[in-house]
Amino acid sequence: MNFINHIQNRYTTKKYDNSKKIESRKIEELQEILRLCPSSINSQPWEFVFIGDQEMKDKLAVFSKHNTAKVQDCDTLVVFRTVNNLAVFYKELKSRLPEYAMEFYKEYADTHSEKEVKIWMEKQVYIALGMLLSACASMQIDATPMEGIEPDPYDKILGNKNYTTVLAVAIGVRDTEDFNQLEKKPKSRKSLQEVVRVF
């Protein structure tokens, strides 16, 4: 199956079968895929937390709004976090980026507010989200991207104050009764002509 077929077949899973597990090899591959994600000036302003421990998932599920069952029942919850401590991040950047990239970052940071810099970093996290969802589709792993979580309680549970939670992705194996499966609810997208313009 080629990539376009995998994307045509993916959907956002609404219900997981908690008795089925993803191979550890595939989890390790997803971790490496996220490590290799592109980011502006190779800034990599992120931390990805993989949670397979049921007790930890249960703690986070309480702060996951309408996504509680997905967090509890998925095989692994992947939490996407971005830089919270700019001072610590600046030192880390300086230790690994070439001078031209540091100049870009310094100029951007000097001419934008802390809030704007953090928004720029969050945008990098969404690049990684796209990579993970695409990888899951190609590996036939079911996935659910979720902004419907409470970042502050997540941060307290996960620790590492240098980063803050942006979103999470539940991954696992769909329940056979999941109402959102394509055979029960066909994919709905605008036509190509509505979303793509060619010159």
N, C-alpha and C. Protein backbone atom coordinates (compact mmCIF):
# COMPACT_ATOMS: atom_id res chain seq x y z
N MET A 1 0.85 -1.19 0.00
CA MET A 1 0.00 0.00 0.00
C MET A 1 0.89 1.25 0.00
N ASN A 2 0.59 2.20 -0.90
CA ASN A 2 1.41 3.40 -0.92
C ASN A 2 0.88 4.46 0.05
N PHE A 3 1.62 5.56 0.17
CA PHE A 3 1.32 6.56 1.20
C PHE A 3 -0.08 7.14 1.05
N ILE A 4 -0.49 7.46 -0.17
CA ILE A 4 -1.81 8.06 -0.37
C ILE A 4 -2.92 7.12 0.11
N ASN A 5 -2.73 5.82 -0.10
CA ASN A 5 -3.72 4.85 0.38
C ASN A 5 -3.81 4.84 1.90
N HIS A 6 -2.66 4.94 2.55
CA HIS A 6 -2.65 4.97 4.02
C HIS A 6 -3.39 6.21 4.53
N ILE A 7 -3.18 7.35 3.88
CA ILE A 7 -3.85 8.58 4.31
C ILE A 7 -5.35 8.50 4.03
N GLN A 8 -5.72 7.89 2.92
CA GLN A 8 -7.14 7.71 2.62
C GLN A 8 -7.82 6.83 3.65
N ASN A 9 -7.08 5.88 4.21
CA ASN A 9 -7.65 4.93 5.16
C ASN A 9 -7.59 5.36 6.62
N ARG A 10 -6.83 6.42 6.91
CA ARG A 10 -6.74 6.85 8.31
C ARG A 10 -7.98 7.64 8.71
N TYR A 11 -8.29 7.60 9.97
CA TYR A 11 -9.38 8.41 10.52
C TYR A 11 -9.07 8.65 11.98
N THR A 12 -9.78 9.57 12.59
CA THR A 12 -9.56 9.86 14.00
C THR A 12 -10.34 8.86 14.85
N THR A 13 -9.60 8.03 15.55
CA THR A 13 -10.21 6.97 16.35
C THR A 13 -10.92 7.56 17.58
N LYS A 14 -12.12 7.09 17.81
CA LYS A 14 -12.92 7.59 18.94
C LYS A 14 -13.01 6.59 20.09
N LYS A 15 -12.74 5.31 19.80
CA LYS A 15 -12.83 4.28 20.85
C LYS A 15 -11.75 3.24 20.64
N TYR A 16 -10.99 2.96 21.71
CA TYR A 16 -9.88 2.01 21.65
C TYR A 16 -10.20 0.70 22.36
N ASP A 17 -9.56 -0.36 21.88
CA ASP A 17 -9.64 -1.67 22.52
C ASP A 17 -8.43 -1.79 23.44
N ASN A 18 -8.64 -1.66 24.74
CA ASN A 18 -7.50 -1.64 25.67
C ASN A 18 -6.87 -3.00 25.91
N SER A 19 -7.42 -4.04 25.28
CA SER A 19 -6.82 -5.37 25.42
C SER A 19 -5.75 -5.62 24.35
N LYS A 20 -5.67 -4.72 23.37
CA LYS A 20 -4.72 -4.89 22.27
C LYS A 20 -3.58 -3.89 22.38
N LYS A 21 -2.37 -4.36 22.08
CA LYS A 21 -1.17 -3.54 22.27
C LYS A 21 -0.41 -3.32 20.96
N ILE A 22 0.32 -2.22 20.92
CA ILE A 22 1.20 -1.93 19.79
C ILE A 22 2.56 -2.58 20.08
N GLU A 23 3.19 -3.14 19.06
CA GLU A 23 4.51 -3.74 19.25
C GLU A 23 5.49 -2.69 19.75
N SER A 24 6.34 -3.07 20.70
CA SER A 24 7.32 -2.13 21.26
C SER A 24 8.24 -1.58 20.18
N ARG A 25 8.52 -2.39 19.16
CA ARG A 25 9.38 -1.95 18.06
C ARG A 25 8.75 -0.74 17.34
N LYS A 26 7.44 -0.77 17.18
CA LYS A 26 6.76 0.33 16.50
C LYS A 26 6.76 1.60 17.36
N ILE A 27 6.62 1.44 18.66
CA ILE A 27 6.67 2.59 19.57
C ILE A 27 8.05 3.24 19.48
N GLU A 28 9.09 2.41 19.45
CA GLU A 28 10.46 2.93 19.34
C GLU A 28 10.67 3.65 18.01
N GLU A 29 10.07 3.13 16.95
CA GLU A 29 10.17 3.78 15.64
C GLU A 29 9.49 5.15 15.66
N LEU A 30 8.34 5.23 16.30
CA LEU A 30 7.64 6.52 16.40
C LEU A 30 8.47 7.53 17.20
N GLN A 31 9.13 7.06 18.25
CA GLN A 31 9.99 7.95 19.03
C GLN A 31 11.12 8.50 18.16
N GLU A 32 11.71 7.64 17.35
CA GLU A 32 12.80 8.07 16.48
C GLU A 32 12.28 9.00 15.38
N ILE A 33 11.10 8.75 14.87
CA ILE A 33 10.50 9.63 13.86
C ILE A 33 10.30 11.03 14.43
N LEU A 34 9.81 11.12 15.65
CA LEU A 34 9.63 12.44 16.28
C LEU A 34 10.98 13.12 16.51
N ARG A 35 11.98 12.35 16.90
CA ARG A 35 13.31 12.93 17.10
C ARG A 35 13.84 13.55 15.81
N LEU A 36 13.50 12.95 14.68
CA LEU A 36 14.00 13.39 13.38
C LEU A 36 13.15 14.49 12.72
N CYS A 37 12.10 14.93 13.39
CA CYS A 37 11.20 15.94 12.80
C CYS A 37 11.93 17.24 12.46
N PRO A 38 11.52 17.88 11.37
CA PRO A 38 12.09 19.19 11.03
C PRO A 38 11.50 20.29 11.90
N SER A 39 12.27 21.37 12.07
CA SER A 39 11.79 22.55 12.79
C SER A 39 12.56 23.77 12.29
N SER A 40 11.98 24.93 12.43
CA SER A 40 12.63 26.16 11.98
C SER A 40 14.00 26.30 12.62
N ILE A 41 15.00 26.60 11.82
CA ILE A 41 16.42 26.72 12.20
C ILE A 41 16.91 25.53 13.02
N ASN A 42 16.25 24.40 12.89
CA ASN A 42 16.59 23.20 13.66
C ASN A 42 16.49 23.47 15.16
N SER A 43 15.51 24.30 15.54
CA SER A 43 15.38 24.71 16.94
C SER A 43 14.95 23.57 17.86
N GLN A 44 14.12 22.66 17.35
CA GLN A 44 13.65 21.51 18.14
C GLN A 44 13.14 21.94 19.52
N PRO A 45 12.19 22.87 19.56
CA PRO A 45 11.73 23.40 20.86
C PRO A 45 10.67 22.52 21.51
N TRP A 46 10.99 21.24 21.73
CA TRP A 46 9.96 20.32 22.15
C TRP A 46 10.46 19.22 23.05
N GLU A 47 9.48 18.57 23.66
CA GLU A 47 9.70 17.34 24.43
C GLU A 47 8.48 16.47 24.15
N PHE A 48 8.72 15.19 23.85
CA PHE A 48 7.65 14.25 23.59
C PHE A 48 7.65 13.21 24.70
N VAL A 49 6.52 13.09 25.39
CA VAL A 49 6.44 12.15 26.51
C VAL A 49 5.53 10.99 26.11
N PHE A 50 6.09 9.78 26.10
CA PHE A 50 5.34 8.57 25.76
C PHE A 50 4.89 7.89 27.05
N ILE A 51 3.60 7.69 27.19
CA ILE A 51 3.06 7.14 28.44
C ILE A 51 2.27 5.86 28.15
N GLY A 52 2.83 4.75 28.56
CA GLY A 52 2.14 3.47 28.42
C GLY A 52 1.66 2.94 29.76
N ASP A 53 2.19 3.51 30.84
CA ASP A 53 1.83 3.09 32.19
C ASP A 53 0.37 3.43 32.48
N GLN A 54 -0.41 2.43 32.86
CA GLN A 54 -1.86 2.64 33.04
C GLN A 54 -2.16 3.62 34.18
N GLU A 55 -1.41 3.54 35.26
CA GLU A 55 -1.66 4.44 36.39
C GLU A 55 -1.44 5.90 35.98
N MET A 56 -0.40 6.15 35.20
CA MET A 56 -0.13 7.51 34.73
C MET A 56 -1.21 7.96 33.74
N LYS A 57 -1.63 7.08 32.85
CA LYS A 57 -2.71 7.42 31.92
C LYS A 57 -3.99 7.77 32.67
N ASP A 58 -4.29 7.01 33.71
CA ASP A 58 -5.49 7.27 34.50
C ASP A 58 -5.44 8.64 35.17
N LYS A 59 -4.26 9.02 35.65
CA LYS A 59 -4.11 10.35 36.28
C LYS A 59 -4.37 11.45 35.27
N LEU A 60 -3.83 11.29 34.07
CA LEU A 60 -3.99 12.31 33.03
C LEU A 60 -5.41 12.32 32.47
N ALA A 61 -6.04 11.16 32.46
CA ALA A 61 -7.40 11.05 31.91
C ALA A 61 -8.38 11.97 32.63
N VAL A 62 -8.16 12.16 33.93
CA VAL A 62 -9.02 13.04 34.73
C VAL A 62 -9.03 14.47 34.18
N PHE A 63 -7.92 14.86 33.55
CA PHE A 63 -7.78 16.22 33.04
C PHE A 63 -7.80 16.26 31.51
N SER A 64 -8.58 15.34 30.95
CA SER A 64 -8.63 15.22 29.49
C SER A 64 -10.01 15.49 28.90
N LYS A 65 -10.86 16.16 29.68
CA LYS A 65 -12.18 16.59 29.22
C LYS A 65 -12.95 15.45 28.56
N HIS A 66 -13.43 15.64 27.33
CA HIS A 66 -14.23 14.61 26.65
C HIS A 66 -13.37 13.47 26.10
N ASN A 67 -12.07 13.54 26.33
CA ASN A 67 -11.15 12.51 25.84
C ASN A 67 -10.75 11.48 26.90
N THR A 68 -11.42 11.51 28.03
CA THR A 68 -11.05 10.65 29.16
C THR A 68 -10.90 9.18 28.77
N ALA A 69 -11.92 8.62 28.12
CA ALA A 69 -11.88 7.19 27.77
C ALA A 69 -10.76 6.88 26.79
N LYS A 70 -10.50 7.79 25.86
CA LYS A 70 -9.43 7.56 24.88
C LYS A 70 -8.07 7.48 25.59
N VAL A 71 -7.86 8.36 26.55
CA VAL A 71 -6.59 8.37 27.28
C VAL A 71 -6.45 7.09 28.11
N GLN A 72 -7.54 6.66 28.74
CA GLN A 72 -7.48 5.45 29.56
C GLN A 72 -7.28 4.18 28.73
N ASP A 73 -7.94 4.11 27.58
CA ASP A 73 -7.99 2.86 26.82
C ASP A 73 -6.94 2.71 25.72
N CYS A 74 -6.30 3.82 25.32
CA CYS A 74 -5.29 3.71 24.26
C CYS A 74 -4.08 2.93 24.78
N ASP A 75 -3.28 2.42 23.86
CA ASP A 75 -2.06 1.72 24.25
C ASP A 75 -1.05 2.70 24.85
N THR A 76 -0.85 3.82 24.14
CA THR A 76 0.15 4.80 24.55
C THR A 76 -0.38 6.20 24.31
N LEU A 77 -0.14 7.08 25.26
CA LEU A 77 -0.47 8.49 25.11
C LEU A 77 0.83 9.24 24.85
N VAL A 78 0.85 10.02 23.77
CA VAL A 78 2.03 10.82 23.45
C VAL A 78 1.70 12.28 23.72
N VAL A 79 2.41 12.88 24.66
CA VAL A 79 2.16 14.28 25.01
C VAL A 79 3.21 15.16 24.34
N PHE A 80 2.74 16.14 23.60
CA PHE A 80 3.60 17.07 22.88
C PHE A 80 3.76 18.33 23.74
N ARG A 81 5.01 18.67 24.05
CA ARG A 81 5.27 19.82 24.93
C ARG A 81 6.25 20.76 24.24
N THR A 82 6.15 22.03 24.59
CA THR A 82 7.06 23.01 24.00
C THR A 82 7.76 23.79 25.10
N VAL A 83 8.73 24.58 24.71
CA VAL A 83 9.58 25.29 25.66
C VAL A 83 8.78 26.25 26.54
N ASN A 84 9.05 26.18 27.81
CA ASN A 84 8.42 27.09 28.77
C ASN A 84 9.45 28.06 29.34
N ASN A 85 10.70 27.60 29.49
CA ASN A 85 11.77 28.41 30.07
C ASN A 85 12.70 28.87 28.94
N LEU A 86 12.52 30.11 28.49
CA LEU A 86 13.29 30.62 27.36
C LEU A 86 14.78 30.78 27.69
N ALA A 87 15.10 31.10 28.92
CA ALA A 87 16.50 31.29 29.31
C ALA A 87 17.27 29.98 29.20
N VAL A 88 16.69 28.91 29.72
CA VAL A 88 17.32 27.59 29.64
C VAL A 88 17.43 27.15 28.19
N PHE A 89 16.38 27.41 27.41
CA PHE A 89 16.38 27.02 26.01
C PHE A 89 17.45 27.78 25.22
N TYR A 90 17.64 29.05 25.53
CA TYR A 90 18.64 29.86 24.83
C TYR A 90 20.04 29.25 25.01
N LYS A 91 20.35 28.85 26.22
CA LYS A 91 21.67 28.24 26.50
C LYS A 91 21.83 26.94 25.73
N GLU A 92 20.75 26.16 25.68
CA GLU A 92 20.80 24.88 24.98
C GLU A 92 20.98 25.11 23.48
N LEU A 93 20.26 26.08 22.93
CA LEU A 93 20.40 26.42 21.51
C LEU A 93 21.82 26.83 21.17
N LYS A 94 22.38 27.68 22.03
CA LYS A 94 23.72 28.22 21.80
C LYS A 94 24.77 27.11 21.76
N SER A 95 24.52 26.04 22.46
CA SER A 95 25.49 24.94 22.52
C SER A 95 25.49 24.07 21.27
N ARG A 96 24.45 24.19 20.41
CA ARG A 96 24.39 23.27 19.28
C ARG A 96 24.08 23.91 17.93
N LEU A 97 23.58 25.15 17.89
CA LEU A 97 23.24 25.76 16.61
C LEU A 97 24.41 26.52 16.01
N PRO A 98 24.52 26.54 14.69
CA PRO A 98 25.56 27.37 14.05
C PRO A 98 25.26 28.85 14.26
N GLU A 99 26.25 29.69 14.07
CA GLU A 99 26.13 31.11 14.38
C GLU A 99 24.99 31.79 13.61
N TYR A 100 24.83 31.46 12.31
CA TYR A 100 23.80 32.13 11.52
C TYR A 100 22.39 31.84 12.07
N ALA A 101 22.19 30.60 12.56
CA ALA A 101 20.89 30.24 13.12
C ALA A 101 20.65 30.95 14.45
N MET A 102 21.71 31.06 15.25
CA MET A 102 21.59 31.78 16.52
C MET A 102 21.29 33.25 16.29
N GLU A 103 21.88 33.82 15.26
CA GLU A 103 21.60 35.22 14.93
C GLU A 103 20.14 35.41 14.57
N PHE A 104 19.59 34.47 13.81
CA PHE A 104 18.17 34.54 13.46
C PHE A 104 17.33 34.48 14.72
N TYR A 105 17.64 33.53 15.60
CA TYR A 105 16.85 33.37 16.82
C TYR A 105 16.95 34.61 17.71
N LYS A 106 18.17 35.13 17.88
CA LYS A 106 18.36 36.31 18.73
C LYS A 106 17.58 37.51 18.19
N GLU A 107 17.64 37.69 16.88
CA GLU A 107 16.91 38.81 16.27
C GLU A 107 15.41 38.64 16.47
N TYR A 108 14.92 37.42 16.27
CA TYR A 108 13.49 37.16 16.44
C TYR A 108 13.07 37.38 17.89
N ALA A 109 13.86 36.85 18.82
CA ALA A 109 13.53 36.99 20.24
C ALA A 109 13.61 38.44 20.71
N ASP A 110 14.54 39.20 20.14
CA ASP A 110 14.71 40.60 20.54
C ASP A 110 13.60 41.50 20.01
N THR A 111 12.97 41.09 18.91
CA THR A 111 11.96 41.96 18.28
C THR A 111 10.53 41.46 18.50
N HIS A 112 10.39 40.40 19.28
CA HIS A 112 9.07 39.86 19.58
C HIS A 112 8.92 39.63 21.07
N SER A 113 7.68 39.64 21.52
CA SER A 113 7.42 39.40 22.95
C SER A 113 7.66 37.92 23.28
N GLU A 114 7.77 37.64 24.56
CA GLU A 114 7.96 36.25 25.00
C GLU A 114 6.78 35.39 24.53
N LYS A 115 5.58 35.95 24.59
CA LYS A 115 4.39 35.23 24.14
C LYS A 115 4.49 34.88 22.66
N GLU A 116 4.95 35.82 21.85
CA GLU A 116 5.09 35.58 20.41
C GLU A 116 6.15 34.52 20.11
N VAL A 117 7.24 34.56 20.85
CA VAL A 117 8.30 33.56 20.67
C VAL A 117 7.75 32.16 20.99
N LYS A 118 6.97 32.07 22.05
CA LYS A 118 6.41 30.78 22.44
C LYS A 118 5.38 30.29 21.42
N ILE A 119 4.64 31.20 20.82
CA ILE A 119 3.68 30.82 19.76
C ILE A 119 4.45 30.26 18.56
N TRP A 120 5.57 30.89 18.22
CA TRP A 120 6.42 30.41 17.12
C TRP A 120 6.89 28.98 17.43
N MET A 121 7.24 28.74 18.69
CA MET A 121 7.69 27.41 19.08
C MET A 121 6.56 26.39 19.01
N GLU A 122 5.37 26.80 19.42
CA GLU A 122 4.21 25.90 19.35
C GLU A 122 3.95 25.47 17.91
N LYS A 123 4.16 26.39 16.97
CA LYS A 123 3.95 26.05 15.55
C LYS A 123 4.88 24.92 15.12
N GLN A 124 6.06 24.87 15.68
CA GLN A 124 6.99 23.79 15.35
C GLN A 124 6.44 22.45 15.85
N VAL A 125 5.79 22.48 17.01
CA VAL A 125 5.21 21.27 17.58
C VAL A 125 4.15 20.68 16.65
N TYR A 126 3.40 21.57 15.98
CA TYR A 126 2.36 21.07 15.07
C TYR A 126 2.96 20.42 13.82
N ILE A 127 4.17 20.82 13.46
CA ILE A 127 4.87 20.11 12.37
C ILE A 127 5.12 18.66 12.82
N ALA A 128 5.57 18.51 14.06
CA ALA A 128 5.82 17.17 14.60
C ALA A 128 4.53 16.36 14.69
N LEU A 129 3.43 17.02 15.03
CA LEU A 129 2.14 16.33 15.08
C LEU A 129 1.80 15.72 13.72
N GLY A 130 1.97 16.50 12.66
CA GLY A 130 1.70 16.00 11.31
C GLY A 130 2.56 14.80 10.97
N MET A 131 3.83 14.87 11.38
CA MET A 131 4.74 13.74 11.13
C MET A 131 4.26 12.49 11.86
N LEU A 132 3.85 12.64 13.12
CA LEU A 132 3.41 11.48 13.89
C LEU A 132 2.15 10.86 13.29
N LEU A 133 1.17 11.70 12.95
CA LEU A 133 -0.08 11.17 12.39
C LEU A 133 0.18 10.46 11.06
N SER A 134 1.06 11.02 10.25
CA SER A 134 1.40 10.39 8.97
C SER A 134 2.11 9.06 9.20
N ALA A 135 3.03 9.05 10.15
CA ALA A 135 3.75 7.82 10.47
C ALA A 135 2.80 6.75 10.98
N CYS A 136 1.89 7.13 11.86
CA CYS A 136 0.91 6.17 12.38
C CYS A 136 0.07 5.59 11.25
N ALA A 137 -0.35 6.45 10.32
CA ALA A 137 -1.15 5.97 9.19
C ALA A 137 -0.37 4.94 8.38
N SER A 138 0.91 5.24 8.11
CA SER A 138 1.72 4.33 7.29
C SER A 138 2.06 3.03 8.03
N MET A 139 2.03 3.08 9.37
CA MET A 139 2.33 1.89 10.17
C MET A 139 1.06 1.18 10.63
N GLN A 140 -0.08 1.68 10.17
CA GLN A 140 -1.39 1.13 10.52
C GLN A 140 -1.63 1.10 12.03
N ILE A 141 -1.29 2.22 12.65
CA ILE A 141 -1.55 2.45 14.07
C ILE A 141 -2.67 3.48 14.15
N ASP A 142 -3.69 3.19 14.92
CA ASP A 142 -4.79 4.14 15.07
C ASP A 142 -4.37 5.28 15.98
N ALA A 143 -4.87 6.48 15.68
CA ALA A 143 -4.42 7.67 16.43
C ALA A 143 -5.54 8.70 16.57
N THR A 144 -5.44 9.46 17.66
CA THR A 144 -6.41 10.52 17.95
C THR A 144 -5.66 11.76 18.44
N PRO A 145 -5.54 12.80 17.62
CA PRO A 145 -4.94 14.05 18.11
C PRO A 145 -5.93 14.77 19.02
N MET A 146 -5.43 15.32 20.15
CA MET A 146 -6.32 15.93 21.13
C MET A 146 -5.77 17.24 21.68
N GLU A 147 -6.49 18.32 21.40
CA GLU A 147 -6.22 19.57 22.10
C GLU A 147 -7.12 19.67 23.33
N GLY A 148 -8.11 18.82 23.39
CA GLY A 148 -9.07 18.84 24.50
C GLY A 148 -8.52 18.21 25.76
N ILE A 149 -7.46 18.81 26.27
CA ILE A 149 -6.84 18.40 27.54
C ILE A 149 -6.52 19.67 28.33
N GLU A 150 -6.22 19.51 29.62
CA GLU A 150 -5.91 20.66 30.47
C GLU A 150 -4.39 20.72 30.68
N PRO A 151 -3.71 21.66 30.01
CA PRO A 151 -2.24 21.71 30.07
C PRO A 151 -1.65 21.87 31.47
N ASP A 152 -2.21 22.74 32.29
CA ASP A 152 -1.62 22.98 33.62
C ASP A 152 -1.57 21.72 34.49
N PRO A 153 -2.70 20.99 34.65
CA PRO A 153 -2.62 19.74 35.42
C PRO A 153 -1.69 18.70 34.77
N TYR A 154 -1.70 18.64 33.46
CA TYR A 154 -0.77 17.73 32.76
C TYR A 154 0.67 18.08 33.15
N ASP A 155 0.99 19.38 33.14
CA ASP A 155 2.35 19.81 33.47
C ASP A 155 2.74 19.40 34.88
N LYS A 156 1.80 19.54 35.81
CA LYS A 156 2.09 19.18 37.21
C LYS A 156 2.36 17.69 37.34
N ILE A 157 1.61 16.89 36.61
CA ILE A 157 1.77 15.44 36.68
C ILE A 157 3.06 15.00 35.98
N LEU A 158 3.36 15.60 34.84
CA LEU A 158 4.51 15.18 34.05
C LEU A 158 5.85 15.72 34.54
N GLY A 159 5.82 16.85 35.27
CA GLY A 159 7.07 17.44 35.74
C GLY A 159 7.84 18.12 34.61
N ASN A 160 9.09 18.45 34.86
CA ASN A 160 9.98 19.15 33.92
C ASN A 160 9.39 20.52 33.56
N LYS A 161 9.61 21.48 34.44
CA LYS A 161 9.03 22.82 34.28
C LYS A 161 9.61 23.61 33.11
N ASN A 162 10.65 23.09 32.49
CA ASN A 162 11.22 23.79 31.33
C ASN A 162 10.34 23.67 30.09
N TYR A 163 9.35 22.76 30.16
CA TYR A 163 8.43 22.54 29.04
C TYR A 163 6.99 22.63 29.51
N THR A 164 6.10 22.93 28.57
CA THR A 164 4.68 23.00 28.89
C THR A 164 3.89 22.24 27.83
N THR A 165 2.78 21.65 28.23
CA THR A 165 1.97 20.80 27.36
C THR A 165 1.19 21.61 26.33
N VAL A 166 1.20 21.14 25.09
CA VAL A 166 0.45 21.78 24.01
C VAL A 166 -0.74 20.91 23.61
N LEU A 167 -0.49 19.63 23.39
CA LEU A 167 -1.54 18.71 22.95
C LEU A 167 -1.09 17.29 23.23
N ALA A 168 -1.97 16.34 22.95
CA ALA A 168 -1.61 14.93 23.14
C ALA A 168 -2.20 14.11 22.00
N VAL A 169 -1.62 12.94 21.78
CA VAL A 169 -2.13 12.02 20.77
C VAL A 169 -2.26 10.64 21.41
N ALA A 170 -3.47 10.10 21.37
CA ALA A 170 -3.69 8.73 21.81
C ALA A 170 -3.39 7.82 20.64
N ILE A 171 -2.65 6.74 20.87
CA ILE A 171 -2.39 5.77 19.81
C ILE A 171 -2.69 4.37 20.34
N GLY A 172 -3.15 3.51 19.45
CA GLY A 172 -3.49 2.16 19.88
C GLY A 172 -4.20 1.40 18.79
N VAL A 173 -5.12 0.53 19.20
CA VAL A 173 -5.89 -0.30 18.28
C VAL A 173 -7.36 0.01 18.47
N ARG A 174 -8.03 0.35 17.39
CA ARG A 174 -9.44 0.73 17.46
C ARG A 174 -10.31 -0.40 18.00
N ASP A 175 -11.37 -0.02 18.69
CA ASP A 175 -12.39 -0.97 19.10
C ASP A 175 -13.25 -1.30 17.89
N THR A 176 -13.67 -2.55 17.76
CA THR A 176 -14.47 -2.93 16.60
C THR A 176 -15.81 -2.19 16.55
N GLU A 177 -16.22 -1.63 17.69
CA GLU A 177 -17.48 -0.88 17.75
C GLU A 177 -17.29 0.62 17.57
N ASP A 178 -16.08 1.05 17.28
CA ASP A 178 -15.83 2.49 17.12
C ASP A 178 -16.73 3.06 16.01
N PHE A 179 -17.57 4.02 16.39
CA PHE A 179 -18.55 4.57 15.45
C PHE A 179 -17.93 5.42 14.35
N ASN A 180 -16.68 5.84 14.54
CA ASN A 180 -16.06 6.75 13.58
C ASN A 180 -15.29 6.04 12.47
N GLN A 181 -15.30 4.72 12.47
CA GLN A 181 -14.60 3.96 11.43
C GLN A 181 -15.19 4.30 10.06
N LEU A 182 -14.35 4.27 9.04
CA LEU A 182 -14.75 4.71 7.71
C LEU A 182 -15.93 3.92 7.14
N GLU A 183 -16.02 2.64 7.48
CA GLU A 183 -17.14 1.85 6.96
C GLU A 183 -18.46 2.23 7.63
N LYS A 184 -18.37 2.87 8.81
CA LYS A 184 -19.57 3.32 9.51
C LYS A 184 -19.83 4.80 9.24
N LYS A 185 -18.75 5.56 9.06
CA LYS A 185 -18.87 7.00 8.84
C LYS A 185 -17.81 7.41 7.81
N PRO A 186 -18.16 7.43 6.54
CA PRO A 186 -17.18 7.73 5.48
C PRO A 186 -16.48 9.07 5.69
N LYS A 187 -15.23 9.13 5.25
CA LYS A 187 -14.44 10.35 5.37
C LYS A 187 -15.12 11.48 4.61
N SER A 188 -15.17 12.65 5.22
CA SER A 188 -15.80 13.82 4.59
C SER A 188 -14.76 14.92 4.41
N ARG A 189 -14.45 15.24 3.17
CA ARG A 189 -13.49 16.29 2.88
C ARG A 189 -14.02 17.15 1.73
N LYS A 190 -13.58 18.40 1.69
CA LYS A 190 -13.91 19.26 0.56
C LYS A 190 -13.28 18.68 -0.70
N SER A 191 -13.78 19.10 -1.86
CA SER A 191 -13.22 18.64 -3.12
C SER A 191 -11.82 19.23 -3.31
N LEU A 192 -11.02 18.60 -4.15
CA LEU A 192 -9.67 19.08 -4.43
C LEU A 192 -9.70 20.50 -4.96
N GLN A 193 -10.68 20.80 -5.80
CA GLN A 193 -10.77 22.13 -6.41
C GLN A 193 -11.07 23.23 -5.39
N GLU A 194 -11.70 22.84 -4.26
CA GLU A 194 -12.04 23.82 -3.22
C GLU A 194 -10.84 24.16 -2.34
N VAL A 195 -9.88 23.27 -2.26
CA VAL A 195 -8.77 23.49 -1.33
C VAL A 195 -7.41 23.68 -2.00
N VAL A 196 -7.32 23.39 -3.30
CA VAL A 196 -6.04 23.51 -3.99
C VAL A 196 -6.20 24.43 -5.19
N ARG A 197 -5.30 25.41 -5.30
CA ARG A 197 -5.24 26.29 -6.48
C ARG A 197 -3.90 26.06 -7.15
N VAL A 198 -3.93 25.99 -8.47
CA VAL A 198 -2.70 25.71 -9.24
C VAL A 198 -2.50 26.81 -10.30
N PHE A 199 -1.29 27.34 -10.39
CA PHE A 199 -0.95 28.35 -11.42
C PHE A 199 0.09 27.77 -12.35
